[in-house]
N, C-alpha and C. Protein backbone atom coordinates (compact mmCIF):
# COMPACT_ATOMS: atom_id res chain seq x y z
N MET A 1 32.42 66.08 21.56
CA MET A 1 32.02 64.72 20.64
C MET A 1 33.52 64.54 20.01
N ARG A 2 34.50 63.93 20.98
CA ARG A 2 35.85 63.72 20.72
C ARG A 2 35.96 62.33 19.70
N VAL A 3 35.10 61.34 19.85
CA VAL A 3 35.00 60.22 19.29
C VAL A 3 34.80 60.40 17.60
N ALA A 4 33.87 61.51 17.17
CA ALA A 4 33.66 61.50 15.90
C ALA A 4 34.51 62.40 15.33
N ARG A 5 35.33 63.02 15.81
CA ARG A 5 36.57 63.75 15.42
C ARG A 5 37.70 62.88 14.91
N GLU A 6 37.63 61.63 15.63
CA GLU A 6 38.48 60.60 15.28
C GLU A 6 38.52 59.72 14.06
N LYS A 7 37.15 59.41 13.75
CA LYS A 7 36.59 58.59 12.83
C LYS A 7 36.96 58.97 11.60
N LYS A 8 36.94 58.11 10.45
CA LYS A 8 37.11 58.23 9.29
C LYS A 8 35.66 58.57 8.59
N ILE A 9 34.97 59.47 8.91
CA ILE A 9 33.70 59.70 8.41
C ILE A 9 33.53 61.13 7.53
N CYS A 10 32.43 61.53 6.93
CA CYS A 10 32.58 62.39 5.94
C CYS A 10 32.72 63.80 6.92
N LEU A 11 32.30 63.95 8.05
CA LEU A 11 32.48 65.06 8.69
C LEU A 11 33.94 65.44 8.91
N ASN A 12 34.90 64.46 8.93
CA ASN A 12 36.34 64.87 9.01
C ASN A 12 37.09 64.86 7.64
N CYS A 13 36.31 64.84 6.53
CA CYS A 13 37.08 64.54 5.23
C CYS A 13 37.23 66.01 4.50
N LEU A 14 38.30 65.99 3.83
CA LEU A 14 38.75 66.88 3.12
C LEU A 14 37.69 67.58 2.09
N PHE A 15 36.79 66.44 1.56
CA PHE A 15 35.99 66.70 0.45
C PHE A 15 34.65 67.28 0.96
N PHE A 16 34.45 67.23 2.27
CA PHE A 16 32.96 67.48 2.62
C PHE A 16 32.77 68.69 3.23
N ARG A 17 31.94 69.59 2.69
CA ARG A 17 31.37 71.04 2.84
C ARG A 17 30.16 70.75 3.58
N ASN A 18 29.88 71.64 4.86
CA ASN A 18 28.61 71.68 5.39
C ASN A 18 28.28 72.79 6.10
N ASP A 19 29.01 73.93 5.55
CA ASP A 19 28.80 75.34 6.24
C ASP A 19 27.45 75.68 5.63
N PRO A 20 26.47 76.39 6.44
CA PRO A 20 25.25 76.81 5.78
C PRO A 20 25.35 77.93 4.76
N ALA A 21 26.24 78.86 4.62
CA ALA A 21 26.41 79.70 3.54
C ALA A 21 26.66 79.00 2.14
N PHE A 22 27.50 78.04 2.04
CA PHE A 22 27.96 77.20 1.19
C PHE A 22 26.67 76.50 0.67
N LEU A 23 26.08 75.61 1.43
CA LEU A 23 24.93 74.96 1.23
C LEU A 23 24.02 75.87 0.21
N GLU A 24 23.64 77.06 1.06
CA GLU A 24 22.44 77.81 0.41
C GLU A 24 23.01 78.31 -0.94
N SER A 25 23.95 78.60 -1.14
CA SER A 25 24.87 79.05 -2.60
C SER A 25 24.60 77.88 -3.49
N GLU A 26 24.80 76.73 -3.23
CA GLU A 26 24.69 75.50 -3.80
C GLU A 26 23.28 75.23 -4.40
N PHE A 27 22.44 75.29 -3.33
CA PHE A 27 20.90 75.09 -3.69
C PHE A 27 19.98 76.38 -3.63
N LYS A 28 20.14 77.10 -4.52
CA LYS A 28 19.33 78.21 -4.78
C LYS A 28 17.74 77.92 -4.59
N GLY A 29 17.30 78.82 -3.67
CA GLY A 29 15.91 78.52 -3.64
C GLY A 29 15.77 77.86 -2.19
N TRP A 30 16.69 77.16 -1.60
CA TRP A 30 16.45 76.46 -0.43
C TRP A 30 16.04 77.13 0.71
N ILE A 31 16.30 78.64 0.56
CA ILE A 31 15.85 79.67 1.75
C ILE A 31 14.30 79.73 1.55
N THR A 32 13.70 79.29 0.55
CA THR A 32 12.12 79.20 0.43
C THR A 32 11.46 78.24 1.13
N LEU A 33 12.39 76.98 1.40
CA LEU A 33 12.11 75.84 2.04
C LEU A 33 12.23 76.14 3.72
N GLY A 34 13.00 76.90 4.01
CA GLY A 34 13.34 77.17 5.45
C GLY A 34 14.96 77.95 5.37
N SER A 35 15.91 77.24 5.61
CA SER A 35 17.31 77.55 5.71
C SER A 35 18.24 76.46 5.99
N ALA A 36 19.19 76.78 5.40
CA ALA A 36 20.52 75.76 5.79
C ALA A 36 21.09 75.75 7.03
N TYR A 37 20.51 76.73 7.79
CA TYR A 37 20.83 77.09 9.17
C TYR A 37 19.89 76.16 10.32
N GLY A 38 18.96 75.58 9.71
CA GLY A 38 18.05 74.92 10.37
C GLY A 38 18.55 73.71 11.06
N SER A 39 17.75 73.16 12.11
CA SER A 39 18.51 71.99 13.01
C SER A 39 17.95 70.78 12.38
N VAL A 40 17.13 70.90 11.48
CA VAL A 40 16.90 69.53 10.75
C VAL A 40 18.03 69.10 9.91
N ARG A 41 18.76 69.98 9.44
CA ARG A 41 19.82 69.19 8.50
C ARG A 41 21.08 68.82 9.42
N LYS A 42 20.75 69.32 10.51
CA LYS A 42 22.01 68.79 11.33
C LYS A 42 23.40 69.12 10.86
N ASP A 43 24.18 68.04 10.62
CA ASP A 43 25.70 68.23 10.28
C ASP A 43 25.70 67.80 8.73
N ASP A 44 24.64 67.48 7.83
CA ASP A 44 24.44 66.91 6.59
C ASP A 44 25.39 68.02 5.62
N GLY A 45 25.89 67.59 4.49
CA GLY A 45 26.68 68.50 3.58
C GLY A 45 26.82 67.89 2.29
N ILE A 46 27.68 68.32 1.65
CA ILE A 46 27.94 67.83 0.14
C ILE A 46 29.36 67.30 0.37
N CYS A 47 29.38 66.47 -0.56
CA CYS A 47 30.79 65.70 -0.86
C CYS A 47 31.17 66.20 -2.33
N SER A 48 32.24 67.04 -2.17
CA SER A 48 32.73 67.70 -3.44
C SER A 48 33.22 66.26 -4.24
N ARG A 49 33.80 65.27 -3.83
CA ARG A 49 34.36 64.23 -4.71
C ARG A 49 33.45 63.31 -5.39
N HIS A 50 32.13 63.24 -4.47
CA HIS A 50 31.17 62.56 -5.13
C HIS A 50 29.89 63.35 -5.61
N GLU A 51 30.04 64.60 -5.37
CA GLU A 51 28.98 65.27 -5.72
C GLU A 51 27.70 64.82 -5.23
N GLU A 52 27.51 64.70 -4.07
CA GLU A 52 26.25 64.15 -3.38
C GLU A 52 26.25 64.79 -1.94
N TYR A 53 24.87 65.10 -1.65
CA TYR A 53 24.46 65.59 -0.34
C TYR A 53 24.22 64.51 0.56
N LEU A 54 25.03 64.55 1.70
CA LEU A 54 24.80 63.24 2.57
C LEU A 54 24.99 63.52 4.07
N SER A 55 24.85 62.64 4.52
CA SER A 55 25.10 62.74 6.13
C SER A 55 26.40 62.81 6.38
N ALA A 56 26.80 63.58 7.54
CA ALA A 56 28.10 63.98 7.94
C ALA A 56 28.73 62.66 8.36
N TYR A 57 27.95 61.51 8.91
CA TYR A 57 28.29 60.45 9.66
C TYR A 57 28.52 59.18 8.71
N ASP A 58 28.24 59.42 7.48
CA ASP A 58 28.60 58.45 6.27
C ASP A 58 29.97 58.35 6.04
N TRP A 59 30.67 57.44 5.20
CA TRP A 59 32.02 57.26 5.28
C TRP A 59 32.00 56.41 3.54
N CYS A 60 33.30 56.35 3.11
CA CYS A 60 33.50 55.78 2.04
C CYS A 60 35.19 55.56 1.88
N ASN A 61 35.51 54.79 0.97
CA ASN A 61 36.99 54.43 0.97
C ASN A 61 38.05 55.56 0.31
N GLN A 62 37.40 56.65 -0.20
CA GLN A 62 37.84 57.87 -0.57
C GLN A 62 38.22 58.97 0.60
N PHE A 63 37.99 58.55 1.57
CA PHE A 63 38.23 59.44 2.76
C PHE A 63 39.74 60.02 2.86
N ARG A 64 39.82 61.17 2.89
CA ARG A 64 41.20 61.87 3.03
C ARG A 64 40.83 62.97 4.15
N PRO A 65 41.76 62.82 5.33
CA PRO A 65 41.85 63.76 6.36
C PRO A 65 41.88 65.16 6.08
N GLY A 66 41.14 66.00 6.57
CA GLY A 66 41.06 67.54 6.06
C GLY A 66 40.87 68.55 7.32
N PRO A 67 40.95 69.65 6.73
CA PRO A 67 40.86 70.67 8.00
C PRO A 67 39.39 70.68 8.18
N ARG A 68 38.88 70.71 9.68
CA ARG A 68 37.62 70.99 9.89
C ARG A 68 37.16 72.27 10.16
N LEU A 69 36.33 72.79 9.32
CA LEU A 69 35.89 74.19 9.39
C LEU A 69 35.11 74.60 10.48
N ASP A 70 35.06 75.69 10.94
CA ASP A 70 34.13 76.04 11.99
C ASP A 70 32.72 76.13 11.46
N PRO A 71 31.57 76.00 12.08
CA PRO A 71 30.32 76.18 11.56
C PRO A 71 30.19 77.64 11.01
N GLY A 72 29.55 77.87 9.77
CA GLY A 72 29.20 79.00 9.41
C GLY A 72 30.46 79.66 8.45
N ALA A 73 31.68 78.99 8.50
CA ALA A 73 32.93 79.37 7.73
C ALA A 73 32.88 78.96 6.29
N SER A 74 33.33 79.54 5.48
CA SER A 74 33.31 78.98 4.07
C SER A 74 34.67 79.06 3.41
């Protein structure tokens, strides 16, 4: 998905965290509803700048290019 990597979207932002282990540590009890490893969540995650859970394909004017973590990395 080369195009997504080139866009100024949350998925590519320094402030965005979407690895499953991190999400499960932030949302205690999420595991009782299923798991952050589930496919329904897709690439959604948390913006540490805005403290919001959102889609990886959202965007805002505070985008900062950041390192993309491998899925499951923290």
